[in-house]
Amino acid sequence: MARIEKFALHIPSLEEIAGVLQNGLTENYADVQVSVVDCPDLTQKPFCFPVKGICGKTRIADVGGVPYLLPLVQKDKVYDLNVVAKEIQLPGAFFLGAGAVSSRTVGGNAELIPIVQAQNENNPAINGSYMVKINPEDSGYLLEKYSTKHHGCDFGLLANLYASEGLPGKVIEVKANRRTGEQNFISCIRKALEKHYGDKPVGMGGTFVIQKGKAKIHVMPSEFSACPLNTDEDVNNWLKFFEMKAPLICQPVLVSRDPGFDLRLEHTHCFSHHGDGGHYHTDTTPETVEYLGYFAPAEYLFRIDKPQETHMVGRD
C-alpha cells in the first residue's frame, strides 16, 4: 500500500487568481488577457477528451517521483490510475497531467500524456492517453494513442496529475501572446501565484494550447541509463530534445510552493494531432507564440509514495 499524505490547498476565488495572473503574465508576454469563463466543451477539437470539463472536486496528485528514475531506475515502481482515483477519494476521477509509462507494460521507457477517466462502479475506465517514445530505427520520436497498443491504466515511476469530476463549470481562461521574458508559460503562472500567495500553496491544473509557433520538447530514451545520472547535465545529455510545432495540446500541473512534500512544482506534457508530443520546456518562437489555456484551482493535494531518498536533479 502506497503511503498517502493529504493537504488542503489555499483556494482563492477565480476572479482573484485571474487578477494575479494578469499582472504576473504581463511581465513575460506582450499581450495578456485573463478572464473567468465557462469551460469550453473539451470533448471537441482540438482536445477530444472523454469529458466536457475540468471542474468538480479538484485535486492534484504527485505520485512517486524523479528519484525513482534517477540516478538509476527502479522499475518496480508501477501504479494504476484506477487505484490512484480511490486513493485521492474520487473514484471515477478524470485525470490530466504528465508522467512515465510502466516499462513492464510498454517494454521500454516513454513519456506518458495521461487523459483518463478512471473506472467507477458503473463504468469501465476510458483511456484517451498518448505516449511518446524514441523510435530506435531513426532516433526520431513516435507519438501513439496508448490504447492502440496497451490495455489498462498503469504507469511507472512518477506522475503529476490534475484530477476532477470532469464537469463543465467556470474556469480561468489565459491568453498570452509574444513572449518578452525568459520564463515559460507555466513557470510564469506558478511564480506569479507564489509571489502573491507566499506560504499559502495554490495548486492548479487544466489544459492549454500552443496555437502558433514552436516549442522545445524532450522525450526520454527507450533504454534507461545504465550509468548513474547524478547531475542535471547528465540528465540533459541522456534526454532527447526536439523542436515541435503548433498546435500542441498541453497538460500542466503546478503548485505555487511546496508545503513540505518533496513536490515537483510544475510538470507539463503535450500531444498533437500531427505526431508531435512530449515534455514541454518552453516555446522557441517568442515573437510569434500564442498560448490559450483553461485552468482551475485544486482543493486538495495528495502525495502518494513519496521517495524516502530524494534529490533535486531532473526536476525541470
C-alpha atoms as a PDB file:
ATOM      1  CA  MET A   1       0.000   0.000   0.000  1.00  0.00           C
ATOM      2  CA  ALA A   2       1.477   3.326  -1.065  1.00  0.00           C
ATOM      3  CA  ARG A   3       2.000   5.998   1.557  1.00  0.00           C
ATOM      4  CA  ILE A   4      -0.575   8.759   1.084  1.00  0.00           C
ATOM      5  CA  GLU A   5      -0.480  12.266   2.547  1.00  0.00           C
ATOM      6  CA  LYS A   6      -3.316  14.778   2.083  1.00  0.00           C
ATOM      7  CA  PHE A   7      -3.049  18.558   2.256  1.00  0.00           C
ATOM      8  CA  ALA A   8      -5.754  21.223   1.898  1.00  0.00           C
ATOM      9  CA  LEU A   9      -4.570  23.822  -0.610  1.00  0.00           C
ATOM     10  CA  HIS A  10      -5.373  27.528  -0.466  1.00  0.00           C
ATOM     11  CA  ILE A  11      -8.328  28.186  -2.809  1.00  0.00           C
ATOM     12  CA  PRO A  12      -8.680  31.824  -3.864  1.00  0.00           C
ATOM     13  CA  SER A  13     -11.651  32.925  -5.958  1.00  0.00           C
ATOM     14  CA  LEU A  14     -11.320  32.545  -9.721  1.00  0.00           C
ATOM     15  CA  GLU A  15     -11.599  36.302 -10.114  1.00  0.00           C
ATOM     16  CA  GLU A  16      -8.765  36.893  -7.661  1.00  0.00           C
ATOM     17  CA  ILE A  17      -6.495  34.371  -9.403  1.00  0.00           C
ATOM     18  CA  ALA A  18      -7.313  35.943 -12.765  1.00  0.00           C
ATOM     19  CA  GLY A  19      -6.125  39.309 -11.481  1.00  0.00           C
ATOM     20  CA  VAL A  20      -2.919  37.831 -10.082  1.00  0.00           C
ATOM     21  CA  LEU A  21      -2.167  36.076 -13.385  1.00  0.00           C
ATOM     22  CA  GLN A  22      -2.998  39.166 -15.443  1.00  0.00           C
ATOM     23  CA  ASN A  23      -0.359  41.108 -13.511  1.00  0.00           C
ATOM     24  CA  GLY A  24       2.204  38.307 -13.464  1.00  0.00           C
ATOM     25  CA  LEU A  25       1.990  37.327 -17.113  1.00  0.00           C
ATOM     26  CA  THR A  26       2.221  40.926 -18.308  1.00  0.00           C
ATOM     27  CA  GLU A  27       5.848  40.877 -17.173  1.00  0.00           C
ATOM     28  CA  ASN A  28       6.590  37.996 -19.570  1.00  0.00           C
ATOM     29  CA  TYR A  29       4.241  38.484 -22.540  1.00  0.00           C
ATOM     30  CA  ALA A  30       3.383  41.440 -24.741  1.00  0.00           C
ATOM     31  CA  ASP A  31      -0.327  40.628 -24.987  1.00  0.00           C
ATOM     32  CA  VAL A  32      -2.149  39.106 -21.997  1.00  0.00           C
ATOM     33  CA  GLN A  33      -5.850  38.583 -21.334  1.00  0.00           C
ATOM     34  CA  VAL A  34      -7.003  36.591 -18.297  1.00  0.00           C
ATOM     35  CA  SER A  35     -10.685  36.144 -17.505  1.00  0.00           C
ATOM     36  CA  VAL A  36     -13.215  33.831 -15.866  1.00  0.00           C
ATOM     37  CA  VAL A  37     -15.258  31.912 -18.434  1.00  0.00           C
ATOM     38  CA  ASP A  38     -17.357  28.798 -18.841  1.00  0.00           C
ATOM     39  CA  CYS A  39     -15.095  25.840 -19.590  1.00  0.00           C
ATOM     40  CA  PRO A  40     -15.264  25.038 -23.293  1.00  0.00           C
ATOM     41  CA  ASP A  41     -16.559  21.601 -24.268  1.00  0.00           C
ATOM     42  CA  LEU A  42     -13.351  19.576 -24.054  1.00  0.00           C
ATOM     43  CA  THR A  43     -14.861  16.672 -25.992  1.00  0.00           C
ATOM     44  CA  GLN A  44     -14.483  18.905 -29.055  1.00  0.00           C
ATOM     45  CA  LYS A  45     -11.356  19.574 -31.129  1.00  0.00           C
ATOM     46  CA  PRO A  46      -8.522  20.154 -30.517  1.00  0.00           C
ATOM     47  CA  PHE A  47      -8.832  18.467 -27.103  1.00  0.00           C
ATOM     48  CA  CYS A  48     -11.031  15.434 -27.847  1.00  0.00           C
ATOM     49  CA  PHE A  49     -11.102  14.488 -24.139  1.00  0.00           C
ATOM     50  CA  PRO A  50     -13.617  11.904 -22.847  1.00  0.00           C
ATOM     51  CA  VAL A  51     -15.267  14.511 -20.571  1.00  0.00           C
ATOM     52  CA  LYS A  52     -16.632  18.022 -21.082  1.00  0.00           C
ATOM     53  CA  GLY A  53     -14.759  19.941 -18.397  1.00  0.00           C
ATOM     54  CA  ILE A  54     -12.124  20.129 -15.650  1.00  0.00           C
ATOM     55  CA  CYS A  55     -14.394  21.081 -12.741  1.00  0.00           C
ATOM     56  CA  GLY A  56     -15.745  19.306  -9.667  1.00  0.00           C
ATOM     57  CA  LYS A  57     -13.846  18.047  -6.584  1.00  0.00           C
ATOM     58  CA  THR A  58     -10.491  19.187  -7.963  1.00  0.00           C
ATOM     59  CA  ARG A  59      -7.291  17.579  -6.737  1.00  0.00           C
ATOM     60  CA  ILE A  60      -3.608  17.350  -7.528  1.00  0.00           C
ATOM     61  CA  ALA A  61      -1.767  14.076  -7.050  1.00  0.00           C
ATOM     62  CA  ASP A  62       2.032  13.888  -7.049  1.00  0.00           C
ATOM     63  CA  VAL A  63       2.793  10.164  -7.384  1.00  0.00           C
ATOM     64  CA  GLY A  64       6.251   8.632  -6.990  1.00  0.00           C
ATOM     65  CA  GLY A  65       8.962  10.967  -8.179  1.00  0.00           C
ATOM     66  CA  VAL A  66      12.114  11.629 -10.156  1.00  0.00           C
ATOM     67  CA  PRO A  67      14.255   9.772  -7.550  1.00  0.00           C
ATOM     68  CA  TYR A  68      12.653   6.550  -8.821  1.00  0.00           C
ATOM     69  CA  LEU A  69      14.104   7.333 -12.295  1.00  0.00           C
ATOM     70  CA  LEU A  70      17.440   8.911 -11.319  1.00  0.00           C
ATOM     71  CA  PRO A  71      20.264   8.284 -10.718  1.00  0.00           C
ATOM     72  CA  LEU A  72      19.256   4.698 -11.563  1.00  0.00           C
ATOM     73  CA  VAL A  73      15.780   3.441 -12.423  1.00  0.00           C
ATOM     74  CA  GLN A  74      13.573   1.480 -10.010  1.00  0.00           C
ATOM     75  CA  LYS A  75      11.400  -0.456 -12.457  1.00  0.00           C
ATOM     76  CA  ASP A  76       9.275  -1.975  -9.712  1.00  0.00           C
ATOM     77  CA  LYS A  77       7.577   1.390  -9.148  1.00  0.00           C
ATOM     78  CA  VAL A  78       4.296   0.812 -11.001  1.00  0.00           C
ATOM     79  CA  TYR A  79       0.957   2.499 -10.271  1.00  0.00           C
ATOM     80  CA  ASP A  80      -2.605   2.385 -11.621  1.00  0.00           C
ATOM     81  CA  LEU A  81      -4.801   5.426 -12.241  1.00  0.00           C
ATOM     82  CA  ASN A  82      -7.905   3.494 -11.172  1.00  0.00           C
ATOM     83  CA  VAL A  83      -6.247   2.904  -7.801  1.00  0.00           C
ATOM     84  CA  VAL A  84      -4.988   6.497  -7.588  1.00  0.00           C
ATOM     85  CA  ALA A  85      -8.568   7.709  -8.138  1.00  0.00           C
ATOM     86  CA  LYS A  86      -9.646   5.849  -4.999  1.00  0.00           C
ATOM     87  CA  GLU A  87      -6.566   6.989  -3.070  1.00  0.00           C
ATOM     88  CA  ILE A  88      -7.478  10.640  -3.750  1.00  0.00           C
ATOM     89  CA  GLN A  89     -11.058   9.912  -2.641  1.00  0.00           C
ATOM     90  CA  LEU A  90     -12.518  10.407  -6.108  1.00  0.00           C
ATOM     91  CA  PRO A  91     -13.443   7.079  -7.786  1.00  0.00           C
ATOM     92  CA  GLY A  92     -14.098   7.686 -11.470  1.00  0.00           C
ATOM     93  CA  ALA A  93     -11.846  10.786 -11.486  1.00  0.00           C
ATOM     94  CA  PHE A  94     -10.840  12.399 -14.757  1.00  0.00           C
ATOM     95  CA  PHE A  95      -7.058  12.748 -14.937  1.00  0.00           C
ATOM     96  CA  LEU A  96      -4.830  15.065 -16.953  1.00  0.00           C
ATOM     97  CA  GLY A  97      -1.127  15.530 -16.473  1.00  0.00           C
ATOM     98  CA  ALA A  98       2.378  14.266 -17.082  1.00  0.00           C
ATOM     99  CA  GLY A  99       4.101  11.008 -16.228  1.00  0.00           C
ATOM    100  CA  ALA A 100       6.051   7.999 -17.428  1.00  0.00           C
ATOM    101  CA  VAL A 101       4.770   4.712 -18.801  1.00  0.00           C
ATOM    102  CA  SER A 102       5.212   1.431 -16.994  1.00  0.00           C
ATOM    103  CA  SER A 103       8.201  -0.109 -18.782  1.00  0.00           C
ATOM    104  CA  ARG A 104       6.866  -3.535 -17.781  1.00  0.00           C
ATOM    105  CA  THR A 105       3.736  -2.928 -19.865  1.00  0.00           C
ATOM    106  CA  VAL A 106       5.241  -0.976 -22.752  1.00  0.00           C
ATOM    107  CA  GLY A 107       8.549  -2.829 -22.998  1.00  0.00           C
ATOM    108  CA  GLY A 108      10.681   0.284 -22.610  1.00  0.00           C
ATOM    109  CA  ASN A 109      10.739   3.817 -21.329  1.00  0.00           C
ATOM    110  CA  ALA A 110       8.454   6.524 -22.740  1.00  0.00           C
ATOM    111  CA  GLU A 111       6.686   9.764 -21.906  1.00  0.00           C
ATOM    112  CA  LEU A 112       3.047   9.390 -20.852  1.00  0.00           C
ATOM    113  CA  ILE A 113       0.406  12.030 -21.508  1.00  0.00           C
ATOM    114  CA  PRO A 114      -2.434  10.782 -19.285  1.00  0.00           C
ATOM    115  CA  ILE A 115      -6.014  11.522 -20.371  1.00  0.00           C
ATOM    116  CA  VAL A 116      -8.042   9.030 -18.372  1.00  0.00           C
ATOM    117  CA  GLN A 117     -11.471   8.799 -16.840  1.00  0.00           C
ATOM    118  CA  ALA A 118     -10.965   6.168 -14.164  1.00  0.00           C
ATOM    119  CA  GLN A 119     -13.425   3.343 -13.721  1.00  0.00           C
ATOM    120  CA  ASN A 120     -16.271   3.611 -11.235  1.00  0.00           C
ATOM    121  CA  GLU A 121     -18.947   1.214 -10.013  1.00  0.00           C
ATOM    122  CA  ASN A 122     -20.952   1.521 -13.209  1.00  0.00           C
ATOM    123  CA  ASN A 123     -18.446   2.197 -15.985  1.00  0.00           C
ATOM    124  CA  PRO A 124     -15.081   0.906 -17.171  1.00  0.00           C
ATOM    125  CA  ALA A 125     -12.159   3.314 -17.492  1.00  0.00           C
ATOM    126  CA  ILE A 126     -11.839   5.421 -20.646  1.00  0.00           C
ATOM    127  CA  ASN A 127      -8.177   5.748 -21.578  1.00  0.00           C
ATOM    128  CA  GLY A 128      -7.517   8.541 -24.068  1.00  0.00           C
ATOM    129  CA  SER A 129      -3.840   8.833 -23.135  1.00  0.00           C
ATOM    130  CA  TYR A 130      -0.927   9.292 -25.509  1.00  0.00           C
ATOM    131  CA  MET A 131       2.630   8.062 -25.225  1.00  0.00           C
ATOM    132  CA  VAL A 132       5.780   9.323 -26.929  1.00  0.00           C
ATOM    133  CA  LYS A 133       8.851   7.175 -27.366  1.00  0.00           C
ATOM    134  CA  ILE A 134      12.117   7.366 -29.234  1.00  0.00           C
ATOM    135  CA  ASN A 135      11.985   5.390 -32.472  1.00  0.00           C
ATOM    136  CA  PRO A 136      15.067   3.114 -32.433  1.00  0.00           C
ATOM    137  CA  GLU A 137      15.154   2.991 -36.228  1.00  0.00           C
ATOM    138  CA  ASP A 138      15.830   6.673 -36.854  1.00  0.00           C
ATOM    139  CA  SER A 139      16.277   8.205 -33.350  1.00  0.00           C
ATOM    140  CA  GLY A 140      13.202  10.325 -34.034  1.00  0.00           C
ATOM    141  CA  TYR A 141      10.088  10.249 -31.873  1.00  0.00           C
ATOM    142  CA  LEU A 142       6.829   8.397 -32.195  1.00  0.00           C
ATOM    143  CA  LEU A 143       3.536   9.647 -30.700  1.00  0.00           C
ATOM    144  CA  GLU A 144       0.936   6.919 -30.253  1.00  0.00           C
ATOM    145  CA  LYS A 145      -2.517   6.627 -28.770  1.00  0.00           C
ATOM    146  CA  TYR A 146      -1.854   4.488 -25.703  1.00  0.00           C
ATOM    147  CA  SER A 147      -4.940   2.299 -26.092  1.00  0.00           C
ATOM    148  CA  THR A 148      -3.994   1.194 -29.621  1.00  0.00           C
ATOM    149  CA  LYS A 149      -1.213  -0.970 -28.154  1.00  0.00           C
ATOM    150  CA  HIS A 150      -1.921  -1.402 -24.449  1.00  0.00           C
ATOM    151  CA  HIS A 151      -4.778  -2.045 -22.038  1.00  0.00           C
ATOM    152  CA  GLY A 152      -5.243  -0.858 -18.501  1.00  0.00           C
ATOM    153  CA  CYS A 153      -4.308   2.417 -16.825  1.00  0.00           C
ATOM    154  CA  ASP A 154      -0.951   1.700 -15.279  1.00  0.00           C
ATOM    155  CA  PHE A 155       2.075   3.998 -15.286  1.00  0.00           C
ATOM    156  CA  GLY A 156       5.555   3.894 -13.843  1.00  0.00           C
ATOM    157  CA  LEU A 157       7.989   5.819 -11.660  1.00  0.00           C
ATOM    158  CA  LEU A 158       6.267   9.189 -11.430  1.00  0.00           C
ATOM    159  CA  ALA A 159       3.276  11.278 -12.423  1.00  0.00           C
ATOM    160  CA  ASN A 160       1.928  14.733 -11.726  1.00  0.00           C
ATOM    161  CA  LEU A 161      -1.828  14.586 -12.062  1.00  0.00           C
ATOM    162  CA  TYR A 162      -4.714  17.035 -12.029  1.00  0.00           C
ATOM    163  CA  ALA A 163      -7.967  15.271 -11.197  1.00  0.00           C
ATOM    164  CA  SER A 164     -11.591  16.380 -11.250  1.00  0.00           C
ATOM    165  CA  GLU A 165     -15.082  15.058 -11.856  1.00  0.00           C
ATOM    166  CA  GLY A 166     -14.697  16.180 -15.469  1.00  0.00           C
ATOM    167  CA  LEU A 167     -17.650  18.539 -15.250  1.00  0.00           C
ATOM    168  CA  PRO A 168     -18.418  21.803 -17.020  1.00  0.00           C
ATOM    169  CA  GLY A 169     -18.099  24.936 -14.901  1.00  0.00           C
ATOM    170  CA  LYS A 170     -16.290  28.228 -14.500  1.00  0.00           C
ATOM    171  CA  VAL A 171     -12.551  28.222 -15.229  1.00  0.00           C
ATOM    172  CA  ILE A 172      -9.734  30.716 -15.714  1.00  0.00           C
ATOM    173  CA  GLU A 173      -9.015  31.429 -19.369  1.00  0.00           C
ATOM    174  CA  VAL A 174      -5.498  32.651 -20.081  1.00  0.00           C
ATOM    175  CA  LYS A 175      -4.444  34.159 -23.392  1.00  0.00           C
ATOM    176  CA  ALA A 176      -0.792  35.141 -23.697  1.00  0.00           C
ATOM    177  CA  ASN A 177       0.965  36.079 -26.932  1.00  0.00           C
ATOM    178  CA  ARG A 178       4.503  37.128 -27.872  1.00  0.00           C
ATOM    179  CA  ARG A 179       6.885  36.219 -25.076  1.00  0.00           C
ATOM    180  CA  THR A 180       9.097  39.092 -23.915  1.00  0.00           C
ATOM    181  CA  GLY A 181      10.649  37.451 -20.822  1.00  0.00           C
ATOM    182  CA  GLU A 182      12.684  34.353 -20.054  1.00  0.00           C
ATOM    183  CA  GLN A 183      10.114  32.186 -18.257  1.00  0.00           C
ATOM    184  CA  ASN A 184       7.996  29.536 -19.884  1.00  0.00           C
ATOM    185  CA  PHE A 185       4.205  29.792 -19.734  1.00  0.00           C
ATOM    186  CA  ILE A 186       3.689  27.561 -16.691  1.00  0.00           C
ATOM    187  CA  SER A 187       6.680  28.861 -14.720  1.00  0.00           C
ATOM    188  CA  CYS A 188       5.367  32.385 -15.191  1.00  0.00           C
ATOM    189  CA  ILE A 189       1.919  31.383 -13.915  1.00  0.00           C
ATOM    190  CA  ARG A 190       3.341  29.451 -10.970  1.00  0.00           C
ATOM    191  CA  LYS A 191       5.745  32.206  -9.929  1.00  0.00           C
ATOM    192  CA  ALA A 192       3.003  34.826 -10.135  1.00  0.00           C
ATOM    193  CA  LEU A 193       0.941  32.722  -7.723  1.00  0.00           C
ATOM    194  CA  GLU A 194       3.923  32.136  -5.424  1.00  0.00           C
ATOM    195  CA  LYS A 195       4.774  35.843  -5.350  1.00  0.00           C
ATOM    196  CA  HIS A 196       1.210  36.790  -4.436  1.00  0.00           C
ATOM    197  CA  TYR A 197       0.221  33.977  -2.067  1.00  0.00           C
ATOM    198  CA  GLY A 198       3.599  33.301  -0.455  1.00  0.00           C
ATOM    199  CA  ASP A 199       3.433  30.435   2.034  1.00  0.00           C
ATOM    200  CA  LYS A 200      -0.193  29.616   1.146  1.00  0.00           C
ATOM    201  CA  PRO A 201       0.238  26.947  -1.556  1.00  0.00           C
ATOM    202  CA  VAL A 202      -2.100  27.256  -4.548  1.00  0.00           C
ATOM    203  CA  GLY A 203      -2.381  24.331  -6.970  1.00  0.00           C
ATOM    204  CA  MET A 204      -3.790  24.432 -10.487  1.00  0.00           C
ATOM    205  CA  GLY A 205      -4.219  22.201 -13.484  1.00  0.00           C
ATOM    206  CA  GLY A 206      -6.052  22.020 -16.753  1.00  0.00           C
ATOM    207  CA  THR A 207      -5.030  22.317 -20.364  1.00  0.00           C
ATOM    208  CA  PHE A 208      -3.522  24.860 -22.710  1.00  0.00           C
ATOM    209  CA  VAL A 209      -2.843  25.011 -26.417  1.00  0.00           C
ATOM    210  CA  ILE A 210       0.238  26.439 -28.073  1.00  0.00           C
ATOM    211  CA  GLN A 211      -1.730  27.789 -31.012  1.00  0.00           C
ATOM    212  CA  LYS A 212       1.129  29.284 -33.012  1.00  0.00           C
ATOM    213  CA  GLY A 213       4.875  28.880 -33.010  1.00  0.00           C
ATOM    214  CA  LYS A 214       7.214  26.085 -31.981  1.00  0.00           C
ATOM    215  CA  ALA A 215       8.351  24.619 -28.673  1.00  0.00           C
ATOM    216  CA  LYS A 216      11.341  22.862 -27.113  1.00  0.00           C
ATOM    217  CA  ILE A 217      10.207  19.360 -26.107  1.00  0.00           C
ATOM    218  CA  HIS A 218      12.081  16.382 -24.700  1.00  0.00           C
ATOM    219  CA  VAL A 219      11.409  12.674 -24.997  1.00  0.00           C
ATOM    220  CA  MET A 220      13.117  10.154 -22.715  1.00  0.00           C
ATOM    221  CA  PRO A 221      15.119   7.397 -24.426  1.00  0.00           C
ATOM    222  CA  SER A 222      13.551   3.945 -24.591  1.00  0.00           C
ATOM    223  CA  GLU A 223      16.520   2.491 -22.715  1.00  0.00           C
ATOM    224  CA  PHE A 224      17.084   3.548 -19.125  1.00  0.00           C
ATOM    225  CA  SER A 225      20.583   4.811 -18.420  1.00  0.00           C
ATOM    226  CA  ALA A 226      22.984   2.088 -17.301  1.00  0.00           C
ATOM    227  CA  CYS A 227      25.283   4.752 -15.833  1.00  0.00           C
ATOM    228  CA  PRO A 228      24.021   6.773 -12.848  1.00  0.00           C
ATOM    229  CA  LEU A 229      22.636  10.182 -13.853  1.00  0.00           C
ATOM    230  CA  ASN A 230      23.845  12.357 -10.978  1.00  0.00           C
ATOM    231  CA  THR A 231      23.568  15.905 -12.346  1.00  0.00           C
ATOM    232  CA  ASP A 232      21.210  17.958 -14.491  1.00  0.00           C
ATOM    233  CA  GLU A 233      23.925  17.942 -17.154  1.00  0.00           C
ATOM    234  CA  ASP A 234      23.955  14.123 -17.099  1.00  0.00           C
ATOM    235  CA  VAL A 235      20.170  14.105 -17.479  1.00  0.00           C
ATOM    236  CA  ASN A 236      20.136  16.613 -20.338  1.00  0.00           C
ATOM    237  CA  ASN A 237      22.783  14.598 -22.197  1.00  0.00           C
ATOM    238  CA  TRP A 238      20.604  11.497 -21.794  1.00  0.00           C
ATOM    239  CA  LEU A 239      17.312  13.104 -22.836  1.00  0.00           C
ATOM    240  CA  LYS A 240      16.453  13.681 -26.497  1.00  0.00           C
ATOM    241  CA  PHE A 241      15.425  17.257 -27.334  1.00  0.00           C
ATOM    242  CA  PHE A 242      13.345  18.332 -30.314  1.00  0.00           C
ATOM    243  CA  GLU A 243      11.671  21.438 -31.697  1.00  0.00           C
ATOM    244  CA  MET A 244       8.000  20.688 -32.287  1.00  0.00           C
ATOM    245  CA  LYS A 245       5.325  22.733 -33.986  1.00  0.00           C
ATOM    246  CA  ALA A 246       1.923  24.093 -33.010  1.00  0.00           C
ATOM    247  CA  PRO A 247      -0.819  23.313 -32.361  1.00  0.00           C
ATOM    248  CA  LEU A 248       0.285  21.435 -29.237  1.00  0.00           C
ATOM    249  CA  ILE A 249      -2.278  20.470 -26.586  1.00  0.00           C
ATOM    250  CA  CYS A 250      -0.579  20.647 -23.189  1.00  0.00           C
ATOM    251  CA  GLN A 251      -1.487  19.324 -19.745  1.00  0.00           C
ATOM    252  CA  PRO A 252       0.049  21.348 -16.928  1.00  0.00           C
ATOM    253  CA  VAL A 253       0.079  20.536 -13.224  1.00  0.00           C
ATOM    254  CA  LEU A 254       1.521  23.137 -10.868  1.00  0.00           C
ATOM    255  CA  VAL A 255       1.755  24.029  -7.191  1.00  0.00           C
ATOM    256  CA  SER A 256       2.918  27.525  -6.278  1.00  0.00           C
ATOM    257  CA  ARG A 257       5.056  26.369  -3.344  1.00  0.00           C
ATOM    258  CA  ASP A 258       5.996  23.051  -1.766  1.00  0.00           C
ATOM    259  CA  PRO A 259       4.484  22.794   1.744  1.00  0.00           C
ATOM    260  CA  GLY A 260       6.987  20.063   2.603  1.00  0.00           C
ATOM    261  CA  PHE A 261       6.047  17.047   0.440  1.00  0.00           C
ATOM    262  CA  ASP A 262       9.050  16.921  -1.913  1.00  0.00           C
ATOM    263  CA  LEU A 263       6.868  18.008  -4.849  1.00  0.00           C
ATOM    264  CA  ARG A 264       7.674  18.562  -8.461  1.00  0.00           C
ATOM    265  CA  LEU A 265       6.284  22.087  -8.585  1.00  0.00           C
ATOM    266  CA  GLU A 266       5.422  22.088 -12.275  1.00  0.00           C
ATOM    267  CA  HIS A 267       5.232  19.428 -14.960  1.00  0.00           C
ATOM    268  CA  THR A 268       3.681  19.676 -18.423  1.00  0.00           C
ATOM    269  CA  HIS A 269       3.347  17.100 -21.183  1.00  0.00           C
ATOM    270  CA  CYS A 270       1.765  17.712 -24.572  1.00  0.00           C
ATOM    271  CA  PHE A 271       0.359  15.890 -27.577  1.00  0.00           C
ATOM    272  CA  SER A 272      -0.883  16.885 -31.003  1.00  0.00           C
ATOM    273  CA  HIS A 273      -2.924  15.563 -33.898  1.00  0.00           C
ATOM    274  CA  HIS A 274       0.080  15.763 -36.248  1.00  0.00           C
ATOM    275  CA  GLY A 275       2.502  13.427 -34.470  1.00  0.00           C
ATOM    276  CA  ASP A 276       4.341  15.792 -32.114  1.00  0.00           C
ATOM    277  CA  GLY A 277       4.381  15.447 -28.334  1.00  0.00           C
ATOM    278  CA  GLY A 278       6.449  15.060 -25.171  1.00  0.00           C
ATOM    279  CA  HIS A 279       7.637  17.088 -22.166  1.00  0.00           C
ATOM    280  CA  TYR A 280       7.199  20.854 -22.628  1.00  0.00           C
ATOM    281  CA  HIS A 281      10.117  23.133 -21.718  1.00  0.00           C
ATOM    282  CA  THR A 282       9.362  26.457 -23.432  1.00  0.00           C
ATOM    283  CA  ASP A 283       8.493  27.995 -26.768  1.00  0.00           C
ATOM    284  CA  THR A 284      11.318  28.646 -29.240  1.00  0.00           C
ATOM    285  CA  THR A 285       9.467  31.343 -31.216  1.00  0.00           C
ATOM    286  CA  PRO A 286       8.862  34.143 -28.705  1.00  0.00           C
ATOM    287  CA  GLU A 287       7.893  36.724 -31.355  1.00  0.00           C
ATOM    288  CA  THR A 288       5.018  34.654 -32.734  1.00  0.00           C
ATOM    289  CA  VAL A 289       3.945  32.278 -29.964  1.00  0.00           C
ATOM    290  CA  GLU A 290       0.296  32.255 -28.875  1.00  0.00           C
ATOM    291  CA  TYR A 291      -0.990  30.441 -25.779  1.00  0.00           C
ATOM    292  CA  LEU A 292      -4.617  29.724 -24.859  1.00  0.00           C
ATOM    293  CA  GLY A 293      -5.230  27.942 -21.573  1.00  0.00           C
ATOM    294  CA  TYR A 294      -8.012  26.832 -19.240  1.00  0.00           C
ATOM    295  CA  PHE A 295      -7.188  26.290 -15.571  1.00  0.00           C
ATOM    296  CA  ALA A 296      -8.931  25.511 -12.303  1.00  0.00           C
ATOM    297  CA  PRO A 297      -7.545  25.633  -8.760  1.00  0.00           C
ATOM    298  CA  ALA A 298      -7.256  22.361  -6.853  1.00  0.00           C
ATOM    299  CA  GLU A 299      -8.892  21.902  -3.459  1.00  0.00           C
ATOM    300  CA  TYR A 300      -6.514  19.224  -2.205  1.00  0.00           C
ATOM    301  CA  LEU A 301      -3.011  17.934  -2.780  1.00  0.00           C
ATOM    302  CA  PHE A 302      -2.290  14.222  -2.389  1.00  0.00           C
ATOM    303  CA  ARG A 303       1.297  12.981  -2.106  1.00  0.00           C
ATOM    304  CA  ILE A 304       1.462   9.292  -2.944  1.00  0.00           C
ATOM    305  CA  ASP A 305       4.518   7.065  -2.410  1.00  0.00           C
ATOM    306  CA  LYS A 306       6.967   9.907  -1.771  1.00  0.00           C
ATOM    307  CA  PRO A 307      10.566   8.678  -2.256  1.00  0.00           C
ATOM    308  CA  GLN A 308      12.413   8.112   1.019  1.00  0.00           C
ATOM    309  CA  GLU A 309      15.718   9.159  -0.537  1.00  0.00           C
ATOM    310  CA  THR A 310      15.427  12.289  -2.627  1.00  0.00           C
ATOM    311  CA  HIS A 311      17.362  14.861  -4.668  1.00  0.00           C
ATOM    312  CA  MET A 312      16.597  17.863  -6.906  1.00  0.00           C
ATOM    313  CA  VAL A 313      18.168  16.570 -10.121  1.00  0.00           C
ATOM    314  CA  GLY A 314      15.993  16.406 -13.244  1.00  0.00           C
ATOM    315  CA  ARG A 315      13.056  18.410 -11.925  1.00  0.00           C
ATOM    316  CA  ASP A 316      12.621  20.992 -14.710  1.00  0.00           C
END
